Amino acid sequence: MSGQATALALPIVDPMLESRMRERLEEVDNALESSVHSEAAFVTDAARHLLQAGGKRFRPLLVLLAAETGDPGADEVLTAACVVELTHLGSLYHDDVMDEAVLRRGGKSANARWDNLVAILTGDFLFARSSELTAQLGAEAVRIQAETFAKLVEGQILETLGPLEGEDALEHYLRVVAGKTGSLIATSARYGARFGGAPLEVEEALTAYGERIGSAFQLSDDILDIASDSDESGKTPGTDLREGVPTLPVLLARRMAESSSDPTDLRLLQLLDSDLSDDDAHAETLDLLRKHPAMDEARAYVLAEARGAQQHLEVLPGGPVRAAFDAFAELVATRSS
């Protein structure tokens, strides 16, 4: 961790809770450094590549916050926090190979620095380390992790294959997001509650919260990719659009335009089916999308998901922990407005 100047990935207002989270995240970072160590120096170097490249540690922070509903100091909580982050990091190495990405977190991706083989094997190494730690948490944790990993992989496969003939493209995309993003965030909240010894109803509520808010956060990123004029979304606006990646507002706009005779909608469809690596076409498409009613529909969908996630928090007692979960859902609800 880089000290008090670095904002936490979750909006935590209570100073005592924030201090505990920072201290515990430092412990997580130290444990992660040990976890990626290999007898082969090259493997350690490759595994540290993304670990030390930044990242907000959102998933381990969610584990730590959820554990505050029980005993946050339990050793298993720290182990679980490492499990979810190693799983996430491993998936990034594989994603970059599949996407042929050159950059990750402001630096060279592993496949660009070395090659695809190194990136794939490094991802496998991180998954193996994650599995070792999961085994320390017991058979039930192994089962949960296996189910989560299956959802992650299924989400990636669905994204790669695209919707089948006759399948609704939007429903397909929402399944991709639930698998690739929502599943591990749900497990992060579940692990924190479970290994913190929280009541079962709290564990189930936070699992459901994590699944919905995780997907909603990704979908709000989709909106920012179109709507932002700056680096609000963490990348150049319109990046997904330029690369032809289907996102919530684009899919909604396409669905609405396909049943419209408005010349503007017909032009939008023409552009969406064209080569958007062309700067002029890209700029025109961005402009049309920003003005399209699909943007408001996308925002309404994300708002409904965030509000639905907040309803799961009703079983938590009032206090700074519930307030932090609630504030994050509120952030998701409003960040793309």
C-alpha atoms as a PDB file:
ATOM      1  CA  MET A   1       0.000   0.000   0.000  1.00  0.00           C
ATOM      2  CA  SER A   2       1.183   3.487  -0.662  1.00  0.00           C
ATOM      3  CA  GLY A   3      -0.110   5.206   2.452  1.00  0.00           C
ATOM      4  CA  GLN A   4      -2.938   7.500   3.391  1.00  0.00           C
ATOM      5  CA  ALA A   5      -2.844   9.444   0.129  1.00  0.00           C
ATOM      6  CA  THR A   6      -4.142   6.418  -1.794  1.00  0.00           C
ATOM      7  CA  ALA A   7      -7.920   6.205  -1.853  1.00  0.00           C
ATOM      8  CA  LEU A   8      -9.430   2.860  -0.931  1.00  0.00           C
ATOM      9  CA  ALA A   9     -11.449   1.065  -3.603  1.00  0.00           C
ATOM     10  CA  LEU A  10     -14.515   1.210  -1.358  1.00  0.00           C
ATOM     11  CA  PRO A  11     -15.858   4.486   0.075  1.00  0.00           C
ATOM     12  CA  ILE A  12     -15.266   4.078   3.827  1.00  0.00           C
ATOM     13  CA  VAL A  13     -16.080   7.176   5.868  1.00  0.00           C
ATOM     14  CA  ASP A  14     -15.511   5.885   9.406  1.00  0.00           C
ATOM     15  CA  PRO A  15     -11.837   6.696  10.244  1.00  0.00           C
ATOM     16  CA  MET A  16     -11.333   3.702  12.568  1.00  0.00           C
ATOM     17  CA  LEU A  17     -12.718   1.266  10.010  1.00  0.00           C
ATOM     18  CA  GLU A  18     -10.657   2.874   7.247  1.00  0.00           C
ATOM     19  CA  SER A  19      -7.515   2.551   9.356  1.00  0.00           C
ATOM     20  CA  ARG A  20      -8.189  -1.149  10.002  1.00  0.00           C
ATOM     21  CA  MET A  21      -8.794  -1.760   6.307  1.00  0.00           C
ATOM     22  CA  ARG A  22      -5.508  -0.097   5.368  1.00  0.00           C
ATOM     23  CA  GLU A  23      -3.577  -2.099   7.942  1.00  0.00           C
ATOM     24  CA  ARG A  24      -5.139  -5.365   6.833  1.00  0.00           C
ATOM     25  CA  LEU A  25      -4.557  -4.585   3.158  1.00  0.00           C
ATOM     26  CA  GLU A  26      -0.872  -4.140   3.934  1.00  0.00           C
ATOM     27  CA  GLU A  27      -0.925  -7.626   5.456  1.00  0.00           C
ATOM     28  CA  VAL A  28      -2.641  -8.921   2.307  1.00  0.00           C
ATOM     29  CA  ASP A  29      -0.001  -7.319   0.096  1.00  0.00           C
ATOM     30  CA  ASN A  30       2.793  -8.879   2.130  1.00  0.00           C
ATOM     31  CA  ALA A  31       1.115 -12.275   1.973  1.00  0.00           C
ATOM     32  CA  LEU A  32       0.614 -11.927  -1.788  1.00  0.00           C
ATOM     33  CA  GLU A  33       4.321 -11.218  -2.264  1.00  0.00           C
ATOM     34  CA  SER A  34       5.108 -14.482  -0.468  1.00  0.00           C
ATOM     35  CA  SER A  35       2.468 -16.375  -2.437  1.00  0.00           C
ATOM     36  CA  VAL A  36       3.912 -15.511  -5.845  1.00  0.00           C
ATOM     37  CA  HIS A  37       7.452 -16.505  -4.896  1.00  0.00           C
ATOM     38  CA  SER A  38       8.871 -19.426  -6.853  1.00  0.00           C
ATOM     39  CA  GLU A  39      12.153 -21.315  -6.748  1.00  0.00           C
ATOM     40  CA  ALA A  40      12.616 -20.114 -10.315  1.00  0.00           C
ATOM     41  CA  ALA A  41      13.453 -16.401 -10.272  1.00  0.00           C
ATOM     42  CA  PHE A  42      11.948 -15.900 -13.723  1.00  0.00           C
ATOM     43  CA  VAL A  43       8.576 -17.244 -12.575  1.00  0.00           C
ATOM     44  CA  THR A  44       8.622 -14.947  -9.547  1.00  0.00           C
ATOM     45  CA  ASP A  45       9.438 -11.980 -11.763  1.00  0.00           C
ATOM     46  CA  ALA A  46       6.637 -12.782 -14.193  1.00  0.00           C
ATOM     47  CA  ALA A  47       4.121 -13.358 -11.382  1.00  0.00           C
ATOM     48  CA  ARG A  48       5.061 -10.087  -9.709  1.00  0.00           C
ATOM     49  CA  HIS A  49       4.639  -8.187 -12.968  1.00  0.00           C
ATOM     50  CA  LEU A  50       0.949  -7.393 -12.457  1.00  0.00           C
ATOM     51  CA  LEU A  51       0.996  -7.741  -8.686  1.00  0.00           C
ATOM     52  CA  GLN A  52       3.321  -4.761  -8.419  1.00  0.00           C
ATOM     53  CA  ALA A  53       1.756  -2.812 -11.290  1.00  0.00           C
ATOM     54  CA  GLY A  54      -0.901  -1.270  -9.079  1.00  0.00           C
ATOM     55  CA  GLY A  55      -4.528  -2.223  -8.867  1.00  0.00           C
ATOM     56  CA  LYS A  56      -6.969  -1.204  -6.182  1.00  0.00           C
ATOM     57  CA  ARG A  57      -7.194  -4.608  -4.456  1.00  0.00           C
ATOM     58  CA  PHE A  58     -10.968  -4.248  -4.612  1.00  0.00           C
ATOM     59  CA  ARG A  59     -11.712  -7.949  -4.147  1.00  0.00           C
ATOM     60  CA  PRO A  60      -9.510  -8.510  -1.079  1.00  0.00           C
ATOM     61  CA  LEU A  61     -10.851  -5.270   0.404  1.00  0.00           C
ATOM     62  CA  LEU A  62     -14.357  -6.644  -0.038  1.00  0.00           C
ATOM     63  CA  VAL A  63     -13.287  -9.807   1.811  1.00  0.00           C
ATOM     64  CA  LEU A  64     -11.890  -7.711   4.663  1.00  0.00           C
ATOM     65  CA  LEU A  65     -14.953  -5.486   4.886  1.00  0.00           C
ATOM     66  CA  ALA A  66     -17.357  -8.440   4.846  1.00  0.00           C
ATOM     67  CA  ALA A  67     -15.317 -10.058   7.638  1.00  0.00           C
ATOM     68  CA  GLU A  68     -16.111  -7.033   9.797  1.00  0.00           C
ATOM     69  CA  THR A  69     -19.594  -8.518  10.212  1.00  0.00           C
ATOM     70  CA  GLY A  70     -17.939 -11.225  12.336  1.00  0.00           C
ATOM     71  CA  ASP A  71     -14.336 -11.677  13.484  1.00  0.00           C
ATOM     72  CA  PRO A  72     -12.182  -9.664  11.059  1.00  0.00           C
ATOM     73  CA  GLY A  73      -8.938 -10.809  12.675  1.00  0.00           C
ATOM     74  CA  ALA A  74      -9.332 -14.492  11.827  1.00  0.00           C
ATOM     75  CA  ASP A  75      -6.320 -15.900   9.954  1.00  0.00           C
ATOM     76  CA  GLU A  76      -8.624 -17.484   7.368  1.00  0.00           C
ATOM     77  CA  VAL A  77      -9.853 -14.035   6.338  1.00  0.00           C
ATOM     78  CA  LEU A  78      -6.357 -13.014   5.251  1.00  0.00           C
ATOM     79  CA  THR A  79      -5.939 -16.278   3.352  1.00  0.00           C
ATOM     80  CA  ALA A  80      -9.299 -15.805   1.611  1.00  0.00           C
ATOM     81  CA  ALA A  81      -8.333 -12.262   0.615  1.00  0.00           C
ATOM     82  CA  CYS A  82      -5.214 -13.633  -1.074  1.00  0.00           C
ATOM     83  CA  VAL A  83      -7.228 -16.367  -2.801  1.00  0.00           C
ATOM     84  CA  VAL A  84      -9.554 -13.946  -4.579  1.00  0.00           C
ATOM     85  CA  GLU A  85      -6.782 -11.558  -5.609  1.00  0.00           C
ATOM     86  CA  LEU A  86      -4.573 -14.329  -7.000  1.00  0.00           C
ATOM     87  CA  THR A  87      -7.556 -15.682  -8.924  1.00  0.00           C
ATOM     88  CA  HIS A  88      -8.262 -12.223 -10.300  1.00  0.00           C
ATOM     89  CA  LEU A  89      -4.626 -11.626 -11.259  1.00  0.00           C
ATOM     90  CA  GLY A  90      -4.375 -15.007 -12.966  1.00  0.00           C
ATOM     91  CA  SER A  91      -7.445 -14.199 -15.047  1.00  0.00           C
ATOM     92  CA  LEU A  92      -5.873 -10.901 -16.153  1.00  0.00           C
ATOM     93  CA  TYR A  93      -2.847 -12.680 -17.612  1.00  0.00           C
ATOM     94  CA  HIS A  94      -5.126 -14.949 -19.613  1.00  0.00           C
ATOM     95  CA  ASP A  95      -7.437 -12.094 -20.642  1.00  0.00           C
ATOM     96  CA  ASP A  96      -4.522 -10.125 -22.049  1.00  0.00           C
ATOM     97  CA  VAL A  97      -3.497 -13.079 -24.216  1.00  0.00           C
ATOM     98  CA  MET A  98      -7.025 -13.567 -25.528  1.00  0.00           C
ATOM     99  CA  ASP A  99      -7.480  -9.824 -26.144  1.00  0.00           C
ATOM    100  CA  GLU A 100      -3.960  -9.447 -27.592  1.00  0.00           C
ATOM    101  CA  ALA A 101      -3.562  -6.557 -25.159  1.00  0.00           C
ATOM    102  CA  VAL A 102      -0.371  -4.518 -25.156  1.00  0.00           C
ATOM    103  CA  LEU A 103      -0.977  -2.504 -21.986  1.00  0.00           C
ATOM    104  CA  ARG A 104      -2.263  -3.383 -18.523  1.00  0.00           C
ATOM    105  CA  ARG A 105      -2.418  -0.925 -15.605  1.00  0.00           C
ATOM    106  CA  GLY A 106      -0.401   1.660 -17.469  1.00  0.00           C
ATOM    107  CA  GLY A 107       2.503  -0.643 -18.352  1.00  0.00           C
ATOM    108  CA  LYS A 108       3.302  -3.468 -20.751  1.00  0.00           C
ATOM    109  CA  SER A 109       1.119  -6.536 -20.422  1.00  0.00           C
ATOM    110  CA  ALA A 110       2.946  -9.781 -19.650  1.00  0.00           C
ATOM    111  CA  ASN A 111       2.343 -11.124 -23.157  1.00  0.00           C
ATOM    112  CA  ALA A 112       3.840  -7.924 -24.613  1.00  0.00           C
ATOM    113  CA  ARG A 113       6.827  -7.951 -22.257  1.00  0.00           C
ATOM    114  CA  TRP A 114       7.543 -11.646 -22.791  1.00  0.00           C
ATOM    115  CA  ASP A 115       5.174 -13.700 -24.959  1.00  0.00           C
ATOM    116  CA  ASN A 116       1.828 -15.488 -24.859  1.00  0.00           C
ATOM    117  CA  LEU A 117       3.300 -18.718 -23.505  1.00  0.00           C
ATOM    118  CA  VAL A 118       4.855 -16.961 -20.520  1.00  0.00           C
ATOM    119  CA  ALA A 119       1.633 -15.045 -19.832  1.00  0.00           C
ATOM    120  CA  ILE A 120      -0.527 -18.178 -19.970  1.00  0.00           C
ATOM    121  CA  LEU A 121       1.788 -20.200 -17.754  1.00  0.00           C
ATOM    122  CA  THR A 122       2.082 -17.328 -15.269  1.00  0.00           C
ATOM    123  CA  GLY A 123      -1.683 -17.161 -15.053  1.00  0.00           C
ATOM    124  CA  ASP A 124      -1.734 -20.916 -14.460  1.00  0.00           C
ATOM    125  CA  PHE A 125       0.898 -20.514 -11.740  1.00  0.00           C
ATOM    126  CA  LEU A 126      -1.227 -17.908  -9.960  1.00  0.00           C
ATOM    127  CA  PHE A 127      -4.298 -20.133 -10.203  1.00  0.00           C
ATOM    128  CA  ALA A 128      -2.255 -22.965  -8.688  1.00  0.00           C
ATOM    129  CA  ARG A 129      -1.126 -20.763  -5.813  1.00  0.00           C
ATOM    130  CA  SER A 130      -4.721 -19.680  -5.276  1.00  0.00           C
ATOM    131  CA  SER A 131      -5.790 -23.328  -5.157  1.00  0.00           C
ATOM    132  CA  GLU A 132      -3.104 -24.149  -2.583  1.00  0.00           C
ATOM    133  CA  LEU A 133      -4.386 -21.400  -0.298  1.00  0.00           C
ATOM    134  CA  THR A 134      -8.009 -22.422  -0.863  1.00  0.00           C
ATOM    135  CA  ALA A 135      -7.175 -25.947   0.320  1.00  0.00           C
ATOM    136  CA  GLN A 136      -6.087 -24.434   3.650  1.00  0.00           C
ATOM    137  CA  LEU A 137      -9.624 -23.083   4.065  1.00  0.00           C
ATOM    138  CA  GLY A 138     -11.278 -26.504   3.878  1.00  0.00           C
ATOM    139  CA  ALA A 139     -13.369 -28.622   1.549  1.00  0.00           C
ATOM    140  CA  GLU A 140     -16.319 -26.218   1.389  1.00  0.00           C
ATOM    141  CA  ALA A 141     -14.040 -23.358   0.312  1.00  0.00           C
ATOM    142  CA  VAL A 142     -12.577 -25.625  -2.387  1.00  0.00           C
ATOM    143  CA  ARG A 143     -16.092 -26.304  -3.665  1.00  0.00           C
ATOM    144  CA  ILE A 144     -16.996 -22.593  -3.678  1.00  0.00           C
ATOM    145  CA  GLN A 145     -13.744 -21.715  -5.440  1.00  0.00           C
ATOM    146  CA  ALA A 146     -14.272 -24.416  -8.061  1.00  0.00           C
ATOM    147  CA  GLU A 147     -17.784 -23.148  -8.788  1.00  0.00           C
ATOM    148  CA  THR A 148     -16.511 -19.581  -9.004  1.00  0.00           C
ATOM    149  CA  PHE A 149     -13.684 -20.515 -11.330  1.00  0.00           C
ATOM    150  CA  ALA A 150     -16.097 -22.426 -13.562  1.00  0.00           C
ATOM    151  CA  LYS A 151     -18.284 -19.312 -13.810  1.00  0.00           C
ATOM    152  CA  LEU A 152     -15.270 -17.160 -14.652  1.00  0.00           C
ATOM    153  CA  VAL A 153     -14.203 -19.518 -17.437  1.00  0.00           C
ATOM    154  CA  GLU A 154     -17.752 -19.940 -18.739  1.00  0.00           C
ATOM    155  CA  GLY A 155     -18.110 -16.162 -18.861  1.00  0.00           C
ATOM    156  CA  GLN A 156     -14.904 -15.885 -20.884  1.00  0.00           C
ATOM    157  CA  ILE A 157     -16.005 -18.676 -23.240  1.00  0.00           C
ATOM    158  CA  LEU A 158     -19.403 -17.052 -23.759  1.00  0.00           C
ATOM    159  CA  GLU A 159     -17.707 -13.753 -24.547  1.00  0.00           C
ATOM    160  CA  THR A 160     -15.346 -15.418 -27.007  1.00  0.00           C
ATOM    161  CA  LEU A 161     -18.075 -17.366 -28.808  1.00  0.00           C
ATOM    162  CA  GLY A 162     -20.597 -14.540 -28.880  1.00  0.00           C
ATOM    163  CA  PRO A 163     -24.361 -15.074 -28.864  1.00  0.00           C
ATOM    164  CA  LEU A 164     -25.720 -18.101 -30.688  1.00  0.00           C
ATOM    165  CA  GLU A 165     -28.025 -17.670 -33.645  1.00  0.00           C
ATOM    166  CA  GLY A 166     -31.391 -16.484 -32.366  1.00  0.00           C
ATOM    167  CA  GLU A 167     -30.031 -15.673 -28.891  1.00  0.00           C
ATOM    168  CA  ASP A 168     -30.674 -12.199 -27.527  1.00  0.00           C
ATOM    169  CA  ALA A 169     -27.340 -10.339 -27.636  1.00  0.00           C
ATOM    170  CA  LEU A 170     -28.102  -8.269 -24.538  1.00  0.00           C
ATOM    171  CA  GLU A 171     -29.084 -11.264 -22.417  1.00  0.00           C
ATOM    172  CA  HIS A 172     -25.932 -13.015 -23.609  1.00  0.00           C
ATOM    173  CA  TYR A 173     -23.791 -10.057 -22.600  1.00  0.00           C
ATOM    174  CA  LEU A 174     -25.357  -9.848 -19.140  1.00  0.00           C
ATOM    175  CA  ARG A 175     -24.488 -13.530 -18.636  1.00  0.00           C
ATOM    176  CA  VAL A 176     -20.897 -12.768 -19.650  1.00  0.00           C
ATOM    177  CA  VAL A 177     -20.660  -9.933 -17.116  1.00  0.00           C
ATOM    178  CA  ALA A 178     -22.209 -12.046 -14.353  1.00  0.00           C
ATOM    179  CA  GLY A 179     -19.652 -14.776 -14.993  1.00  0.00           C
ATOM    180  CA  LYS A 180     -16.512 -12.743 -15.615  1.00  0.00           C
ATOM    181  CA  THR A 181     -17.095 -10.034 -13.000  1.00  0.00           C
ATOM    182  CA  GLY A 182     -20.022 -10.715 -10.688  1.00  0.00           C
ATOM    183  CA  SER A 183     -19.029 -14.248  -9.685  1.00  0.00           C
ATOM    184  CA  LEU A 184     -15.644 -13.465  -8.094  1.00  0.00           C
ATOM    185  CA  ILE A 185     -16.927 -10.317  -6.400  1.00  0.00           C
ATOM    186  CA  ALA A 186     -19.780 -12.362  -4.939  1.00  0.00           C
ATOM    187  CA  THR A 187     -17.294 -14.954  -3.676  1.00  0.00           C
ATOM    188  CA  SER A 188     -15.130 -12.204  -2.165  1.00  0.00           C
ATOM    189  CA  ALA A 189     -18.027 -10.980  -0.036  1.00  0.00           C
ATOM    190  CA  ARG A 190     -19.022 -14.565   0.760  1.00  0.00           C
ATOM    191  CA  TYR A 191     -15.536 -15.551   1.913  1.00  0.00           C
ATOM    192  CA  GLY A 192     -15.238 -12.521   4.164  1.00  0.00           C
ATOM    193  CA  ALA A 193     -18.511 -13.221   5.924  1.00  0.00           C
ATOM    194  CA  ARG A 194     -17.926 -16.982   6.092  1.00  0.00           C
ATOM    195  CA  PHE A 195     -14.383 -16.929   7.447  1.00  0.00           C
ATOM    196  CA  GLY A 196     -15.156 -14.009   9.704  1.00  0.00           C
ATOM    197  CA  GLY A 197     -17.799 -16.234  11.302  1.00  0.00           C
ATOM    198  CA  ALA A 198     -20.802 -14.081  10.392  1.00  0.00           C
ATOM    199  CA  PRO A 199     -24.306 -15.589  10.623  1.00  0.00           C
ATOM    200  CA  LEU A 200     -25.429 -17.586   7.578  1.00  0.00           C
ATOM    201  CA  GLU A 201     -28.095 -15.030   6.657  1.00  0.00           C
ATOM    202  CA  VAL A 202     -25.410 -12.337   6.520  1.00  0.00           C
ATOM    203  CA  GLU A 203     -23.168 -14.535   4.357  1.00  0.00           C
ATOM    204  CA  GLU A 204     -26.011 -15.209   1.936  1.00  0.00           C
ATOM    205  CA  ALA A 205     -27.034 -11.547   1.835  1.00  0.00           C
ATOM    206  CA  LEU A 206     -23.516 -10.311   1.135  1.00  0.00           C
ATOM    207  CA  THR A 207     -23.036 -12.977  -1.537  1.00  0.00           C
ATOM    208  CA  ALA A 208     -26.164 -11.762  -3.313  1.00  0.00           C
ATOM    209  CA  TYR A 209     -25.055  -8.154  -2.812  1.00  0.00           C
ATOM    210  CA  GLY A 210     -21.637  -8.891  -4.322  1.00  0.00           C
ATOM    211  CA  GLU A 211     -23.081 -10.622  -7.359  1.00  0.00           C
ATOM    212  CA  ARG A 212     -25.407  -7.744  -8.218  1.00  0.00           C
ATOM    213  CA  ILE A 213     -23.091  -4.870  -7.358  1.00  0.00           C
ATOM    214  CA  GLY A 214     -20.164  -6.495  -9.152  1.00  0.00           C
ATOM    215  CA  SER A 215     -22.071  -6.762 -12.400  1.00  0.00           C
ATOM    216  CA  ALA A 216     -23.566  -3.292 -11.943  1.00  0.00           C
ATOM    217  CA  PHE A 217     -20.100  -1.793 -11.472  1.00  0.00           C
ATOM    218  CA  GLN A 218     -18.915  -3.310 -14.757  1.00  0.00           C
ATOM    219  CA  LEU A 219     -22.031  -2.049 -16.527  1.00  0.00           C
ATOM    220  CA  SER A 220     -21.491   1.445 -15.144  1.00  0.00           C
ATOM    221  CA  ASP A 221     -17.989   1.277 -16.645  1.00  0.00           C
ATOM    222  CA  ASP A 222     -19.677   0.514 -19.973  1.00  0.00           C
ATOM    223  CA  ILE A 223     -21.656   3.735 -19.713  1.00  0.00           C
ATOM    224  CA  LEU A 224     -18.602   5.775 -18.728  1.00  0.00           C
ATOM    225  CA  ASP A 225     -16.716   4.400 -21.723  1.00  0.00           C
ATOM    226  CA  ILE A 226     -19.254   6.183 -23.907  1.00  0.00           C
ATOM    227  CA  ALA A 227     -20.251   9.161 -21.778  1.00  0.00           C
ATOM    228  CA  SER A 228     -17.012  10.404 -20.239  1.00  0.00           C
ATOM    229  CA  ASP A 229     -14.949  13.140 -21.842  1.00  0.00           C
ATOM    230  CA  SER A 230     -11.928  12.310 -19.714  1.00  0.00           C
ATOM    231  CA  ASP A 231     -10.216   9.279 -18.211  1.00  0.00           C
ATOM    232  CA  GLU A 232     -13.060   8.801 -15.734  1.00  0.00           C
ATOM    233  CA  SER A 233     -13.390   5.163 -16.705  1.00  0.00           C
ATOM    234  CA  GLY A 234      -9.670   4.472 -16.324  1.00  0.00           C
ATOM    235  CA  LYS A 235      -9.097   4.309 -20.067  1.00  0.00           C
ATOM    236  CA  THR A 236      -9.547   6.472 -23.134  1.00  0.00           C
ATOM    237  CA  PRO A 237     -13.283   7.106 -23.715  1.00  0.00           C
ATOM    238  CA  GLY A 238     -14.730   4.967 -26.472  1.00  0.00           C
ATOM    239  CA  THR A 239     -12.056   2.279 -26.183  1.00  0.00           C
ATOM    240  CA  ASP A 240     -14.553  -0.609 -26.130  1.00  0.00           C
ATOM    241  CA  LEU A 241     -16.476   1.007 -28.980  1.00  0.00           C
ATOM    242  CA  ARG A 242     -13.342   1.361 -31.125  1.00  0.00           C
ATOM    243  CA  GLU A 243     -12.389  -2.273 -30.478  1.00  0.00           C
ATOM    244  CA  GLY A 244     -15.863  -3.537 -31.320  1.00  0.00           C
ATOM    245  CA  VAL A 245     -16.537  -4.823 -27.796  1.00  0.00           C
ATOM    246  CA  PRO A 246     -20.308  -5.028 -27.161  1.00  0.00           C
ATOM    247  CA  THR A 247     -21.372  -3.096 -24.066  1.00  0.00           C
ATOM    248  CA  LEU A 248     -24.674  -2.299 -22.363  1.00  0.00           C
ATOM    249  CA  PRO A 249     -25.425   1.104 -23.989  1.00  0.00           C
ATOM    250  CA  VAL A 250     -24.332  -0.090 -27.438  1.00  0.00           C
ATOM    251  CA  LEU A 251     -26.496  -3.209 -27.259  1.00  0.00           C
ATOM    252  CA  LEU A 252     -29.482  -1.201 -26.015  1.00  0.00           C
ATOM    253  CA  ALA A 253     -28.977   1.397 -28.740  1.00  0.00           C
ATOM    254  CA  ARG A 254     -28.721  -1.306 -31.401  1.00  0.00           C
ATOM    255  CA  ARG A 255     -31.907  -2.999 -30.142  1.00  0.00           C
ATOM    256  CA  MET A 256     -33.806   0.304 -30.214  1.00  0.00           C
ATOM    257  CA  ALA A 257     -32.401   1.374 -33.569  1.00  0.00           C
ATOM    258  CA  GLU A 258     -33.257  -1.902 -35.276  1.00  0.00           C
ATOM    259  CA  SER A 259     -36.962  -1.256 -34.680  1.00  0.00           C
ATOM    260  CA  SER A 260     -36.751   2.404 -35.719  1.00  0.00           C
ATOM    261  CA  SER A 261     -37.084   4.189 -39.048  1.00  0.00           C
ATOM    262  CA  ASP A 262     -35.432   7.357 -37.776  1.00  0.00           C
ATOM    263  CA  PRO A 263     -32.559   8.342 -40.120  1.00  0.00           C
ATOM    264  CA  THR A 264     -30.321   8.996 -37.107  1.00  0.00           C
ATOM    265  CA  ASP A 265     -30.868   5.442 -35.841  1.00  0.00           C
ATOM    266  CA  LEU A 266     -30.224   4.028 -39.302  1.00  0.00           C
ATOM    267  CA  ARG A 267     -26.989   5.988 -39.465  1.00  0.00           C
ATOM    268  CA  LEU A 268     -26.003   4.701 -36.024  1.00  0.00           C
ATOM    269  CA  LEU A 269     -26.549   1.106 -37.103  1.00  0.00           C
ATOM    270  CA  GLN A 270     -24.464   1.724 -40.207  1.00  0.00           C
ATOM    271  CA  LEU A 271     -21.643   3.125 -38.089  1.00  0.00           C
ATOM    272  CA  LEU A 272     -21.794   0.324 -35.509  1.00  0.00           C
ATOM    273  CA  ASP A 273     -21.343  -2.169 -38.337  1.00  0.00           C
ATOM    274  CA  SER A 274     -18.391  -0.240 -39.774  1.00  0.00           C
ATOM    275  CA  ASP A 275     -14.689  -0.018 -38.958  1.00  0.00           C
ATOM    276  CA  LEU A 276     -14.581   2.210 -35.892  1.00  0.00           C
ATOM    277  CA  SER A 277     -10.812   2.332 -35.831  1.00  0.00           C
ATOM    278  CA  ASP A 278     -11.341   5.275 -38.183  1.00  0.00           C
ATOM    279  CA  ASP A 279     -11.183   8.415 -36.026  1.00  0.00           C
ATOM    280  CA  ASP A 280     -13.977  10.286 -37.808  1.00  0.00           C
ATOM    281  CA  ALA A 281     -16.370   7.336 -37.737  1.00  0.00           C
ATOM    282  CA  HIS A 282     -15.506   6.699 -34.093  1.00  0.00           C
ATOM    283  CA  ALA A 283     -16.153  10.325 -33.124  1.00  0.00           C
ATOM    284  CA  GLU A 284     -19.485  10.399 -34.965  1.00  0.00           C
ATOM    285  CA  THR A 285     -20.611   7.152 -33.347  1.00  0.00           C
ATOM    286  CA  LEU A 286     -19.672   8.398 -29.885  1.00  0.00           C
ATOM    287  CA  ASP A 287     -21.646  11.581 -30.479  1.00  0.00           C
ATOM    288  CA  LEU A 288     -24.749   9.712 -31.633  1.00  0.00           C
ATOM    289  CA  LEU A 289     -24.587   7.287 -28.727  1.00  0.00           C
ATOM    290  CA  ARG A 290     -24.205  10.065 -26.159  1.00  0.00           C
ATOM    291  CA  LYS A 291     -27.414  11.660 -27.438  1.00  0.00           C
ATOM    292  CA  HIS A 292     -29.305   8.364 -27.742  1.00  0.00           C
ATOM    293  CA  PRO A 293     -32.095   7.427 -25.294  1.00  0.00           C
ATOM    294  CA  ALA A 294     -30.290   4.117 -24.818  1.00  0.00           C
ATOM    295  CA  MET A 295     -27.893   5.924 -22.487  1.00  0.00           C
ATOM    296  CA  ASP A 296     -30.713   6.795 -20.083  1.00  0.00           C
ATOM    297  CA  GLU A 297     -32.043   3.248 -20.345  1.00  0.00           C
ATOM    298  CA  ALA A 298     -28.587   1.878 -19.497  1.00  0.00           C
ATOM    299  CA  ARG A 299     -28.304   4.210 -16.507  1.00  0.00           C
ATOM    300  CA  ALA A 300     -31.763   3.139 -15.316  1.00  0.00           C
ATOM    301  CA  TYR A 301     -30.725  -0.517 -15.515  1.00  0.00           C
ATOM    302  CA  VAL A 302     -27.568   0.069 -13.487  1.00  0.00           C
ATOM    303  CA  LEU A 303     -29.510   2.125 -10.941  1.00  0.00           C
ATOM    304  CA  ALA A 304     -32.054  -0.688 -10.520  1.00  0.00           C
ATOM    305  CA  GLU A 305     -29.266  -3.240 -10.007  1.00  0.00           C
ATOM    306  CA  ALA A 306     -27.529  -1.049  -7.427  1.00  0.00           C
ATOM    307  CA  ARG A 307     -30.775  -0.483  -5.564  1.00  0.00           C
ATOM    308  CA  GLY A 308     -31.455  -4.207  -5.663  1.00  0.00           C
ATOM    309  CA  ALA A 309     -28.028  -4.860  -4.176  1.00  0.00           C
ATOM    310  CA  GLN A 310     -28.716  -2.370  -1.375  1.00  0.00           C
ATOM    311  CA  GLN A 311     -31.854  -4.274  -0.398  1.00  0.00           C
ATOM    312  CA  HIS A 312     -29.700  -7.276   0.530  1.00  0.00           C
ATOM    313  CA  LEU A 313     -27.994  -5.149   3.195  1.00  0.00           C
ATOM    314  CA  GLU A 314     -31.143  -4.959   5.301  1.00  0.00           C
ATOM    315  CA  VAL A 315     -30.056  -7.973   7.370  1.00  0.00           C
ATOM    316  CA  LEU A 316     -26.855  -6.191   8.458  1.00  0.00           C
ATOM    317  CA  PRO A 317     -26.905  -4.166  11.675  1.00  0.00           C
ATOM    318  CA  GLY A 318     -26.528  -0.428  11.316  1.00  0.00           C
ATOM    319  CA  GLY A 319     -23.019   0.993  11.619  1.00  0.00           C
ATOM    320  CA  PRO A 320     -19.919   1.868   9.582  1.00  0.00           C
ATOM    321  CA  VAL A 321     -19.651  -1.544   7.864  1.00  0.00           C
ATOM    322  CA  ARG A 322     -23.176  -1.465   6.483  1.00  0.00           C
ATOM    323  CA  ALA A 323     -22.698   2.215   5.648  1.00  0.00           C
ATOM    324  CA  ALA A 324     -19.606   1.362   3.581  1.00  0.00           C
ATOM    325  CA  PHE A 325     -21.425  -1.333   1.598  1.00  0.00           C
ATOM    326  CA  ASP A 326     -24.351   1.028   1.106  1.00  0.00           C
ATOM    327  CA  ALA A 327     -22.085   3.888   0.013  1.00  0.00           C
ATOM    328  CA  PHE A 328     -20.417   1.704  -2.601  1.00  0.00           C
ATOM    329  CA  ALA A 329     -23.801   0.760  -4.058  1.00  0.00           C
ATOM    330  CA  GLU A 330     -24.719   4.442  -4.079  1.00  0.00           C
ATOM    331  CA  LEU A 331     -21.483   5.215  -5.912  1.00  0.00           C
ATOM    332  CA  VAL A 332     -22.273   2.609  -8.534  1.00  0.00           C
ATOM    333  CA  ALA A 333     -25.807   3.999  -8.866  1.00  0.00           C
ATOM    334  CA  THR A 334     -24.647   7.550  -9.507  1.00  0.00           C
ATOM    335  CA  ARG A 335     -21.129   7.381 -11.035  1.00  0.00           C
ATOM    336  CA  SER A 336     -22.390   7.291 -14.614  1.00  0.00           C
ATOM    337  CA  SER A 337     -25.246   9.789 -14.173  1.00  0.00           C
END
